[in-house]
Amino acid sequence: MITAKDAKLVEAFRRWKVFPADAAVPALSDVAVLRRGRPAGTGDLAWMPDADTYCQVSIRERGADRECFGLAAERKPQGYVHVGRAAPHGVGDQAGPPVMWLTVSVVENAAGPFAFTGGTPEHVTPPREATVRFPSGRTITFVTYELPERTEIPTGAEVCGPGRVVCFDPFEPSGP
């Protein structure tokens, strides 16, 4: 959840105009920090405006982006997974280092730790996770991992939880 060290991130969250005029801005008590970036004031936050939707704001030095995803109406009682689309962390060019892409996957009602199996792509960060119980009553684990653009994905790469009870293709986004 948000802590005192997130003051600059909260300031940026409020400053960037990422909410349409008709959209409610979530209370900070309903927002979870998925990743804290560098420099301070950058990062990724998530919340659930209702029991079937999660939203994510990515704040970078030069801007911010908000995206919401509908979860399936009928979900497995344990281990439902929604794989988000990868989003770039910044603007790159061919001469500089590759742009890093962040993927946020949602696992409902299943705890980690989650790890790559079946072939870890080179230069992809290990999965990091944040488990949050939202006011809607949903317990969600957000699993995040970054990969550089132009990364070759090994066939059979998966992210799995303990005992392989929950496994998923971390690079194939769920439907809209």
N, C-alpha and C. Protein backbone atom coordinates (compact mmCIF):
# COMPACT_ATOMS: atom_id res chain seq x y z
N MET A 1 0.84 -1.17 0.00
CA MET A 1 0.00 0.00 0.00
C MET A 1 0.89 1.25 0.00
N ILE A 2 0.27 2.37 -0.08
CA ILE A 2 1.01 3.64 -0.12
C ILE A 2 1.56 3.94 1.27
N THR A 3 2.84 4.35 1.30
CA THR A 3 3.51 4.68 2.55
C THR A 3 4.03 6.11 2.47
N ALA A 4 4.62 6.57 3.56
CA ALA A 4 5.16 7.93 3.62
C ALA A 4 6.23 8.15 2.55
N LYS A 5 6.98 7.11 2.19
CA LYS A 5 8.04 7.29 1.18
C LYS A 5 7.48 7.49 -0.23
N ASP A 6 6.15 7.36 -0.38
CA ASP A 6 5.52 7.53 -1.69
C ASP A 6 4.98 8.95 -1.91
N ALA A 7 5.40 9.91 -1.10
CA ALA A 7 4.85 11.27 -1.19
C ALA A 7 4.99 11.86 -2.60
N LYS A 8 6.16 11.71 -3.22
CA LYS A 8 6.35 12.25 -4.57
C LYS A 8 5.51 11.49 -5.60
N LEU A 9 5.36 10.20 -5.42
CA LEU A 9 4.54 9.40 -6.32
C LEU A 9 3.06 9.81 -6.20
N VAL A 10 2.60 10.03 -4.98
CA VAL A 10 1.22 10.47 -4.76
C VAL A 10 1.01 11.86 -5.37
N GLU A 11 1.99 12.73 -5.20
CA GLU A 11 1.91 14.07 -5.79
C GLU A 11 1.78 13.97 -7.31
N ALA A 12 2.57 13.13 -7.93
CA ALA A 12 2.51 12.95 -9.38
C ALA A 12 1.18 12.32 -9.79
N PHE A 13 0.68 11.38 -9.01
CA PHE A 13 -0.60 10.72 -9.27
C PHE A 13 -1.72 11.76 -9.31
N ARG A 14 -1.67 12.72 -8.42
CA ARG A 14 -2.69 13.76 -8.38
C ARG A 14 -2.47 14.82 -9.46
N ARG A 15 -1.21 15.07 -9.80
CA ARG A 15 -0.86 16.14 -10.75
C ARG A 15 -1.22 15.79 -12.19
N TRP A 16 -0.87 14.58 -12.62
CA TRP A 16 -1.13 14.20 -14.00
C TRP A 16 -2.62 14.03 -14.22
N LYS A 17 -3.11 14.51 -15.31
CA LYS A 17 -4.54 14.45 -15.64
C LYS A 17 -4.84 13.14 -16.36
N VAL A 18 -4.91 12.05 -15.61
CA VAL A 18 -5.14 10.74 -16.22
C VAL A 18 -6.57 10.24 -16.04
N PHE A 19 -7.40 11.03 -15.36
CA PHE A 19 -8.78 10.62 -15.13
C PHE A 19 -9.72 11.47 -15.97
N PRO A 20 -10.60 10.84 -16.76
CA PRO A 20 -11.59 11.62 -17.50
C PRO A 20 -12.48 12.38 -16.52
N ALA A 21 -13.11 13.44 -17.01
CA ALA A 21 -13.94 14.30 -16.15
C ALA A 21 -15.04 13.52 -15.45
N ASP A 22 -15.57 12.46 -16.09
CA ASP A 22 -16.67 11.71 -15.49
C ASP A 22 -16.20 10.51 -14.64
N ALA A 23 -14.89 10.33 -14.49
CA ALA A 23 -14.36 9.19 -13.74
C ALA A 23 -14.00 9.62 -12.32
N ALA A 24 -14.33 8.78 -11.37
CA ALA A 24 -14.00 9.04 -9.98
C ALA A 24 -12.52 8.77 -9.74
N VAL A 25 -11.86 9.66 -9.03
CA VAL A 25 -10.47 9.46 -8.64
C VAL A 25 -10.50 8.60 -7.38
N PRO A 26 -9.78 7.49 -7.36
CA PRO A 26 -9.86 6.61 -6.19
C PRO A 26 -9.24 7.25 -4.95
N ALA A 27 -9.77 6.89 -3.80
CA ALA A 27 -9.16 7.32 -2.54
C ALA A 27 -7.81 6.63 -2.42
N LEU A 28 -6.84 7.31 -1.85
CA LEU A 28 -5.50 6.72 -1.73
C LEU A 28 -5.52 5.43 -0.92
N SER A 29 -6.47 5.27 -0.01
CA SER A 29 -6.56 4.04 0.77
C SER A 29 -6.95 2.84 -0.10
N ASP A 30 -7.47 3.11 -1.31
CA ASP A 30 -7.87 2.04 -2.22
C ASP A 30 -6.82 1.75 -3.29
N VAL A 31 -5.68 2.44 -3.23
CA VAL A 31 -4.65 2.35 -4.27
C VAL A 31 -3.45 1.58 -3.73
N ALA A 32 -2.93 0.67 -4.55
CA ALA A 32 -1.73 -0.09 -4.19
C ALA A 32 -0.58 0.33 -5.10
N VAL A 33 0.62 0.43 -4.54
CA VAL A 33 1.82 0.71 -5.33
C VAL A 33 2.35 -0.63 -5.82
N LEU A 34 2.43 -0.78 -7.15
CA LEU A 34 2.97 -2.01 -7.73
C LEU A 34 4.48 -1.94 -7.85
N ARG A 35 4.96 -0.78 -8.29
CA ARG A 35 6.40 -0.58 -8.47
C ARG A 35 6.72 0.87 -8.17
N ARG A 36 7.79 1.07 -7.46
CA ARG A 36 8.33 2.40 -7.24
C ARG A 36 9.50 2.56 -8.20
N GLY A 37 9.46 3.64 -8.98
CA GLY A 37 10.49 3.84 -9.99
C GLY A 37 11.56 4.81 -9.55
N ARG A 38 12.50 4.98 -10.43
CA ARG A 38 13.54 6.00 -10.26
C ARG A 38 13.44 6.90 -11.46
N PRO A 39 13.44 8.18 -11.28
CA PRO A 39 13.59 8.91 -10.03
C PRO A 39 12.32 8.83 -9.19
N ALA A 40 12.44 9.30 -7.93
CA ALA A 40 11.28 9.32 -7.04
C ALA A 40 10.15 10.08 -7.72
N GLY A 41 8.94 9.62 -7.50
CA GLY A 41 7.78 10.24 -8.14
C GLY A 41 7.32 9.51 -9.38
N THR A 42 8.03 8.44 -9.75
CA THR A 42 7.62 7.62 -10.88
C THR A 42 7.29 6.23 -10.35
N GLY A 43 6.45 5.52 -11.09
CA GLY A 43 6.10 4.18 -10.66
C GLY A 43 4.77 3.74 -11.24
N ASP A 44 4.23 2.67 -10.71
CA ASP A 44 3.00 2.08 -11.19
C ASP A 44 2.08 1.80 -10.01
N LEU A 45 0.81 2.21 -10.15
CA LEU A 45 -0.18 2.05 -9.10
C LEU A 45 -1.40 1.32 -9.66
N ALA A 46 -2.16 0.66 -8.79
CA ALA A 46 -3.36 -0.06 -9.23
C ALA A 46 -4.46 0.07 -8.20
N TRP A 47 -5.69 -0.08 -8.66
CA TRP A 47 -6.86 -0.10 -7.78
C TRP A 47 -7.99 -0.81 -8.50
N MET A 48 -9.04 -1.11 -7.76
CA MET A 48 -10.22 -1.76 -8.33
C MET A 48 -11.42 -0.85 -8.11
N PRO A 49 -11.92 -0.19 -9.17
CA PRO A 49 -13.09 0.66 -9.00
C PRO A 49 -14.36 -0.14 -8.71
N ASP A 50 -14.36 -1.42 -9.07
CA ASP A 50 -15.46 -2.32 -8.74
C ASP A 50 -14.91 -3.74 -8.70
N ALA A 51 -15.75 -4.69 -8.37
CA ALA A 51 -15.30 -6.07 -8.16
C ALA A 51 -14.83 -6.78 -9.43
N ASP A 52 -15.11 -6.19 -10.61
CA ASP A 52 -14.77 -6.86 -11.87
C ASP A 52 -13.84 -6.05 -12.77
N THR A 53 -13.23 -5.01 -12.22
CA THR A 53 -12.36 -4.15 -13.02
C THR A 53 -11.13 -3.77 -12.19
N TYR A 54 -9.97 -3.77 -12.84
CA TYR A 54 -8.81 -3.18 -12.17
C TYR A 54 -8.23 -2.13 -13.11
N CYS A 55 -7.67 -1.11 -12.49
CA CYS A 55 -7.07 -0.01 -13.24
C CYS A 55 -5.62 0.16 -12.80
N GLN A 56 -4.85 0.69 -13.71
CA GLN A 56 -3.42 0.88 -13.46
C GLN A 56 -3.02 2.24 -14.00
N VAL A 57 -2.21 2.96 -13.23
CA VAL A 57 -1.61 4.21 -13.70
C VAL A 57 -0.11 4.00 -13.69
N SER A 58 0.52 4.30 -14.82
CA SER A 58 1.98 4.28 -14.94
C SER A 58 2.45 5.72 -15.02
N ILE A 59 3.28 6.13 -14.09
CA ILE A 59 3.78 7.50 -14.04
C ILE A 59 5.27 7.48 -14.37
N ARG A 60 5.63 8.24 -15.37
CA ARG A 60 7.02 8.36 -15.79
C ARG A 60 7.41 9.83 -15.72
N GLU A 61 8.68 10.11 -15.96
CA GLU A 61 9.15 11.50 -15.88
C GLU A 61 8.41 12.42 -16.84
N ARG A 62 8.09 11.93 -18.02
CA ARG A 62 7.51 12.79 -19.05
C ARG A 62 6.00 12.65 -19.21
N GLY A 63 5.36 11.86 -18.39
CA GLY A 63 3.92 11.70 -18.55
C GLY A 63 3.38 10.55 -17.74
N ALA A 64 2.08 10.36 -17.88
CA ALA A 64 1.40 9.29 -17.16
C ALA A 64 0.33 8.69 -18.07
N ASP A 65 -0.01 7.45 -17.79
CA ASP A 65 -0.98 6.73 -18.59
C ASP A 65 -1.87 5.93 -17.66
N ARG A 66 -3.18 5.92 -17.93
CA ARG A 66 -4.15 5.15 -17.15
C ARG A 66 -4.83 4.15 -18.08
N GLU A 67 -4.96 2.92 -17.60
CA GLU A 67 -5.64 1.89 -18.38
C GLU A 67 -6.43 1.01 -17.42
N CYS A 68 -7.66 0.67 -17.79
CA CYS A 68 -8.49 -0.21 -16.98
C CYS A 68 -8.78 -1.48 -17.76
N PHE A 69 -8.93 -2.59 -17.03
CA PHE A 69 -9.16 -3.89 -17.63
C PHE A 69 -10.34 -4.56 -16.94
N GLY A 70 -11.24 -5.10 -17.73
CA GLY A 70 -12.35 -5.87 -17.18
C GLY A 70 -11.90 -7.30 -16.95
N LEU A 71 -12.21 -7.82 -15.79
CA LEU A 71 -11.93 -9.22 -15.50
C LEU A 71 -13.11 -10.05 -15.98
N ALA A 72 -12.88 -11.29 -16.30
CA ALA A 72 -13.95 -12.16 -16.80
C ALA A 72 -15.09 -12.24 -15.79
N ALA A 73 -16.32 -12.24 -16.30
CA ALA A 73 -17.49 -12.31 -15.42
C ALA A 73 -17.50 -13.61 -14.62
N GLU A 74 -17.14 -14.71 -15.27
CA GLU A 74 -17.06 -16.01 -14.59
C GLU A 74 -15.59 -16.35 -14.45
N ARG A 75 -15.16 -16.52 -13.20
CA ARG A 75 -13.75 -16.76 -12.94
C ARG A 75 -13.57 -18.03 -12.10
N LYS A 76 -12.44 -18.68 -12.33
CA LYS A 76 -12.11 -19.85 -11.51
C LYS A 76 -12.04 -19.39 -10.05
N PRO A 77 -12.59 -20.16 -9.13
CA PRO A 77 -12.57 -19.73 -7.73
C PRO A 77 -11.16 -19.61 -7.17
N GLN A 78 -10.23 -20.36 -7.74
CA GLN A 78 -8.85 -20.22 -7.28
C GLN A 78 -7.94 -20.15 -8.49
N GLY A 79 -7.18 -19.08 -8.55
CA GLY A 79 -6.17 -19.00 -9.58
C GLY A 79 -6.59 -18.39 -10.88
N TYR A 80 -7.61 -17.53 -10.90
CA TYR A 80 -7.95 -16.82 -12.12
C TYR A 80 -6.79 -15.89 -12.49
N VAL A 81 -6.44 -15.86 -13.77
CA VAL A 81 -5.32 -15.03 -14.23
C VAL A 81 -5.77 -14.12 -15.37
N HIS A 82 -5.36 -12.87 -15.30
CA HIS A 82 -5.55 -11.92 -16.40
C HIS A 82 -4.16 -11.34 -16.70
N VAL A 83 -3.68 -11.56 -17.92
CA VAL A 83 -2.37 -11.05 -18.32
C VAL A 83 -2.58 -9.74 -19.05
N GLY A 84 -1.98 -8.68 -18.54
CA GLY A 84 -2.10 -7.36 -19.15
C GLY A 84 -1.18 -7.21 -20.34
N ARG A 85 -1.42 -6.16 -21.10
CA ARG A 85 -0.54 -5.85 -22.24
C ARG A 85 0.71 -5.13 -21.74
N ALA A 86 1.84 -5.42 -22.34
CA ALA A 86 3.08 -4.75 -21.96
C ALA A 86 3.00 -3.28 -22.34
N ALA A 87 3.54 -2.42 -21.48
CA ALA A 87 3.55 -0.98 -21.73
C ALA A 87 4.98 -0.47 -21.60
N PRO A 88 5.40 0.44 -22.48
CA PRO A 88 6.77 0.93 -22.43
C PRO A 88 7.01 1.83 -21.23
N HIS A 89 8.24 1.80 -20.74
CA HIS A 89 8.64 2.65 -19.62
C HIS A 89 9.11 4.01 -20.08
N GLY A 90 9.46 4.17 -21.32
CA GLY A 90 9.98 5.45 -21.79
C GLY A 90 10.17 5.42 -23.28
N VAL A 91 10.70 6.49 -23.78
CA VAL A 91 10.94 6.60 -25.21
C VAL A 91 12.40 6.24 -25.46
N GLY A 92 12.63 5.36 -26.41
CA GLY A 92 13.99 4.95 -26.71
C GLY A 92 14.34 5.26 -28.15
N ASP A 93 15.57 5.03 -28.50
CA ASP A 93 15.98 5.15 -29.89
C ASP A 93 16.95 4.02 -30.18
N GLN A 94 17.18 3.78 -31.43
CA GLN A 94 18.01 2.65 -31.82
C GLN A 94 19.44 2.76 -31.27
N ALA A 95 19.94 3.99 -31.06
CA ALA A 95 21.31 4.16 -30.60
C ALA A 95 21.45 3.92 -29.10
N GLY A 96 20.38 4.13 -28.35
CA GLY A 96 20.44 4.01 -26.90
C GLY A 96 20.08 2.61 -26.44
N PRO A 97 20.02 2.45 -25.12
CA PRO A 97 19.62 1.15 -24.59
C PRO A 97 18.16 0.87 -24.94
N PRO A 98 17.78 -0.40 -25.02
CA PRO A 98 16.41 -0.72 -25.40
C PRO A 98 15.41 -0.22 -24.34
N VAL A 99 14.22 0.11 -24.80
CA VAL A 99 13.15 0.52 -23.91
C VAL A 99 12.69 -0.70 -23.12
N MET A 100 12.47 -0.51 -21.83
CA MET A 100 11.95 -1.58 -21.00
C MET A 100 10.42 -1.55 -21.04
N TRP A 101 9.81 -2.72 -21.16
CA TRP A 101 8.36 -2.86 -21.20
C TRP A 101 7.92 -3.56 -19.92
N LEU A 102 6.87 -3.03 -19.30
CA LEU A 102 6.34 -3.59 -18.07
C LEU A 102 5.05 -4.35 -18.38
N THR A 103 4.94 -5.56 -17.86
CA THR A 103 3.70 -6.32 -17.95
C THR A 103 3.19 -6.53 -16.53
N VAL A 104 1.90 -6.28 -16.35
CA VAL A 104 1.24 -6.52 -15.07
C VAL A 104 0.20 -7.61 -15.29
N SER A 105 0.35 -8.70 -14.59
CA SER A 105 -0.63 -9.78 -14.64
C SER A 105 -1.34 -9.85 -13.30
N VAL A 106 -2.61 -10.22 -13.34
CA VAL A 106 -3.43 -10.28 -12.14
C VAL A 106 -3.74 -11.75 -11.85
N VAL A 107 -3.50 -12.15 -10.62
CA VAL A 107 -3.87 -13.50 -10.19
C VAL A 107 -4.82 -13.32 -9.01
N GLU A 108 -6.01 -13.87 -9.15
CA GLU A 108 -7.02 -13.73 -8.10
C GLU A 108 -7.09 -15.00 -7.27
N ASN A 109 -7.14 -14.84 -5.97
CA ASN A 109 -7.33 -15.95 -5.02
C ASN A 109 -6.22 -16.99 -5.05
N ALA A 110 -5.02 -16.60 -5.38
CA ALA A 110 -3.88 -17.52 -5.32
C ALA A 110 -2.64 -16.70 -4.95
N ALA A 111 -1.89 -17.22 -4.02
CA ALA A 111 -0.69 -16.50 -3.56
C ALA A 111 0.56 -17.08 -4.19
N GLY A 112 1.61 -16.30 -4.22
CA GLY A 112 2.89 -16.71 -4.76
C GLY A 112 3.73 -17.38 -3.70
N PRO A 113 5.00 -17.44 -3.90
CA PRO A 113 5.75 -16.66 -4.87
C PRO A 113 5.64 -17.25 -6.28
N PHE A 114 5.68 -16.33 -7.25
CA PHE A 114 5.61 -16.69 -8.66
C PHE A 114 7.00 -16.58 -9.28
N ALA A 115 7.32 -17.48 -10.22
CA ALA A 115 8.63 -17.48 -10.86
C ALA A 115 8.49 -17.99 -12.29
N PHE A 116 9.47 -17.64 -13.13
CA PHE A 116 9.50 -18.17 -14.49
C PHE A 116 9.89 -19.65 -14.46
N THR A 117 9.26 -20.42 -15.34
CA THR A 117 9.62 -21.83 -15.54
C THR A 117 9.61 -22.08 -17.04
N GLY A 118 10.19 -23.16 -17.45
CA GLY A 118 10.14 -23.56 -18.86
C GLY A 118 10.94 -22.68 -19.78
N GLY A 119 11.92 -21.99 -19.27
CA GLY A 119 12.76 -21.13 -20.10
C GLY A 119 12.55 -19.66 -19.75
N THR A 120 13.50 -19.10 -19.06
CA THR A 120 13.41 -17.69 -18.69
C THR A 120 14.01 -16.85 -19.81
N PRO A 121 13.24 -15.88 -20.31
CA PRO A 121 13.78 -15.02 -21.37
C PRO A 121 14.98 -14.22 -20.84
N GLU A 122 15.96 -14.06 -21.71
CA GLU A 122 17.17 -13.32 -21.33
C GLU A 122 16.82 -11.86 -21.06
N HIS A 123 17.37 -11.31 -20.00
CA HIS A 123 17.22 -9.90 -19.61
C HIS A 123 15.83 -9.54 -19.10
N VAL A 124 14.96 -10.51 -18.84
CA VAL A 124 13.66 -10.23 -18.26
C VAL A 124 13.83 -10.25 -16.74
N THR A 125 13.23 -9.27 -16.06
CA THR A 125 13.37 -9.23 -14.61
C THR A 125 12.55 -10.35 -13.97
N PRO A 126 12.99 -10.83 -12.83
CA PRO A 126 12.19 -11.84 -12.13
C PRO A 126 10.83 -11.25 -11.76
N PRO A 127 9.79 -12.07 -11.71
CA PRO A 127 8.48 -11.56 -11.31
C PRO A 127 8.53 -10.97 -9.90
N ARG A 128 7.89 -9.82 -9.76
CA ARG A 128 7.69 -9.20 -8.44
C ARG A 128 6.19 -9.18 -8.21
N GLU A 129 5.80 -9.23 -6.97
CA GLU A 129 4.37 -9.32 -6.72
C GLU A 129 3.95 -8.47 -5.53
N ALA A 130 2.70 -8.04 -5.59
CA ALA A 130 2.06 -7.31 -4.50
C ALA A 130 0.66 -7.90 -4.33
N THR A 131 0.37 -8.42 -3.15
CA THR A 131 -0.95 -8.98 -2.88
C THR A 131 -1.75 -7.97 -2.08
N VAL A 132 -2.96 -7.67 -2.58
CA VAL A 132 -3.77 -6.62 -1.99
C VAL A 132 -5.20 -7.12 -1.81
N ARG A 133 -5.78 -6.81 -0.66
CA ARG A 133 -7.21 -7.06 -0.45
C ARG A 133 -7.91 -5.72 -0.60
N PHE A 134 -8.74 -5.60 -1.63
CA PHE A 134 -9.42 -4.35 -1.94
C PHE A 134 -10.74 -4.24 -1.21
N PRO A 135 -11.28 -3.00 -1.09
CA PRO A 135 -12.58 -2.81 -0.44
C PRO A 135 -13.70 -3.62 -1.09
N SER A 136 -13.55 -3.97 -2.38
CA SER A 136 -14.55 -4.79 -3.05
C SER A 136 -14.60 -6.20 -2.48
N GLY A 137 -13.60 -6.56 -1.67
CA GLY A 137 -13.52 -7.90 -1.12
C GLY A 137 -12.60 -8.82 -1.91
N ARG A 138 -12.16 -8.39 -3.07
CA ARG A 138 -11.29 -9.20 -3.90
C ARG A 138 -9.86 -9.17 -3.36
N THR A 139 -9.22 -10.34 -3.34
CA THR A 139 -7.80 -10.41 -3.02
C THR A 139 -7.09 -10.68 -4.34
N ILE A 140 -6.23 -9.78 -4.71
CA ILE A 140 -5.54 -9.83 -6.00
C ILE A 140 -4.04 -9.81 -5.76
N THR A 141 -3.32 -10.65 -6.49
CA THR A 141 -1.87 -10.56 -6.52
C THR A 141 -1.49 -10.00 -7.88
N PHE A 142 -0.83 -8.87 -7.87
CA PHE A 142 -0.32 -8.25 -9.10
C PHE A 142 1.09 -8.77 -9.30
N VAL A 143 1.32 -9.44 -10.42
CA VAL A 143 2.64 -9.99 -10.75
C VAL A 143 3.21 -9.12 -11.87
N THR A 144 4.35 -8.48 -11.61
CA THR A 144 4.95 -7.58 -12.60
C THR A 144 6.31 -8.11 -13.02
N TYR A 145 6.63 -7.87 -14.29
CA TYR A 145 7.94 -8.24 -14.82
C TYR A 145 8.22 -7.31 -15.99
N GLU A 146 9.50 -7.02 -16.19
CA GLU A 146 9.92 -6.11 -17.25
C GLU A 146 10.80 -6.86 -18.25
N LEU A 147 10.70 -6.43 -19.50
CA LEU A 147 11.55 -7.01 -20.53
C LEU A 147 11.95 -5.92 -21.52
N PRO A 148 13.17 -6.01 -22.04
CA PRO A 148 13.58 -5.04 -23.04
C PRO A 148 12.89 -5.32 -24.37
N GLU A 149 12.64 -4.24 -25.12
CA GLU A 149 12.05 -4.45 -26.45
C GLU A 149 12.97 -5.36 -27.26
N ARG A 150 12.41 -6.00 -28.24
CA ARG A 150 13.14 -6.92 -29.10
C ARG A 150 13.69 -8.12 -28.33
N THR A 151 12.97 -8.56 -27.31
CA THR A 151 13.38 -9.73 -26.53
C THR A 151 12.80 -10.98 -27.17
N GLU A 152 13.62 -12.00 -27.29
CA GLU A 152 13.16 -13.27 -27.82
C GLU A 152 12.58 -14.09 -26.67
N ILE A 153 11.36 -14.57 -26.85
CA ILE A 153 10.67 -15.32 -25.80
C ILE A 153 10.82 -16.81 -26.07
N PRO A 154 11.40 -17.57 -25.13
CA PRO A 154 11.52 -19.01 -25.33
C PRO A 154 10.15 -19.69 -25.38
N THR A 155 10.01 -20.66 -26.24
CA THR A 155 8.80 -21.45 -26.29
C THR A 155 8.66 -22.17 -24.95
N GLY A 156 7.47 -22.15 -24.40
CA GLY A 156 7.25 -22.85 -23.13
C GLY A 156 7.50 -22.01 -21.89
N ALA A 157 7.86 -20.74 -22.06
CA ALA A 157 8.08 -19.89 -20.89
C ALA A 157 6.75 -19.68 -20.17
N GLU A 158 6.74 -19.88 -18.87
CA GLU A 158 5.55 -19.69 -18.06
C GLU A 158 5.94 -18.99 -16.77
N VAL A 159 4.94 -18.41 -16.11
CA VAL A 159 5.08 -17.97 -14.74
C VAL A 159 4.20 -18.89 -13.92
N CYS A 160 4.78 -19.47 -12.85
CA CYS A 160 4.03 -20.43 -12.03
C CYS A 160 4.15 -20.08 -10.56
N GLY A 161 3.09 -20.43 -9.83
CA GLY A 161 3.09 -20.30 -8.38
C GLY A 161 3.55 -21.60 -7.75
N PRO A 162 3.47 -21.68 -6.43
CA PRO A 162 3.91 -22.88 -5.72
C PRO A 162 3.19 -24.14 -6.20
N GLY A 163 3.94 -25.20 -6.39
CA GLY A 163 3.38 -26.48 -6.80
C GLY A 163 2.75 -26.48 -8.18
N ARG A 164 3.01 -25.43 -8.96
CA ARG A 164 2.46 -25.28 -10.31
C ARG A 164 0.93 -25.34 -10.32
N VAL A 165 0.30 -24.96 -9.19
CA VAL A 165 -1.17 -24.93 -9.14
C VAL A 165 -1.69 -23.88 -10.10
N VAL A 166 -1.01 -22.75 -10.18
CA VAL A 166 -1.37 -21.68 -11.11
C VAL A 166 -0.16 -21.42 -12.00
N CYS A 167 -0.34 -21.60 -13.31
CA CYS A 167 0.71 -21.28 -14.29
C CYS A 167 0.05 -20.54 -15.44
N PHE A 168 0.79 -19.63 -16.07
CA PHE A 168 0.23 -18.90 -17.19
C PHE A 168 1.34 -18.42 -18.12
N ASP A 169 0.93 -18.17 -19.37
CA ASP A 169 1.83 -17.62 -20.37
C ASP A 169 1.96 -16.14 -20.07
N PRO A 170 3.13 -15.68 -19.63
CA PRO A 170 3.27 -14.29 -19.20
C PRO A 170 3.36 -13.29 -20.33
N PHE A 171 3.38 -13.74 -21.57
CA PHE A 171 3.57 -12.84 -22.70
C PHE A 171 2.40 -12.87 -23.68
N GLU A 172 1.32 -13.55 -23.32
CA GLU A 172 0.13 -13.59 -24.17
C GLU A 172 -1.00 -12.88 -23.43
N PRO A 173 -1.26 -11.60 -23.79
CA PRO A 173 -2.27 -10.84 -23.05
C PRO A 173 -3.65 -11.46 -23.13
N SER A 174 -4.40 -11.32 -22.04
CA SER A 174 -5.80 -11.73 -22.04
C SER A 174 -6.57 -10.79 -22.95
N GLY A 175 -7.76 -11.20 -23.34
CA GLY A 175 -8.58 -10.37 -24.20
C GLY A 175 -8.92 -9.04 -23.55
N PRO A 176 -9.48 -8.10 -24.34
CA PRO A 176 -9.77 -6.77 -23.78
C PRO A 176 -10.80 -6.83 -22.67
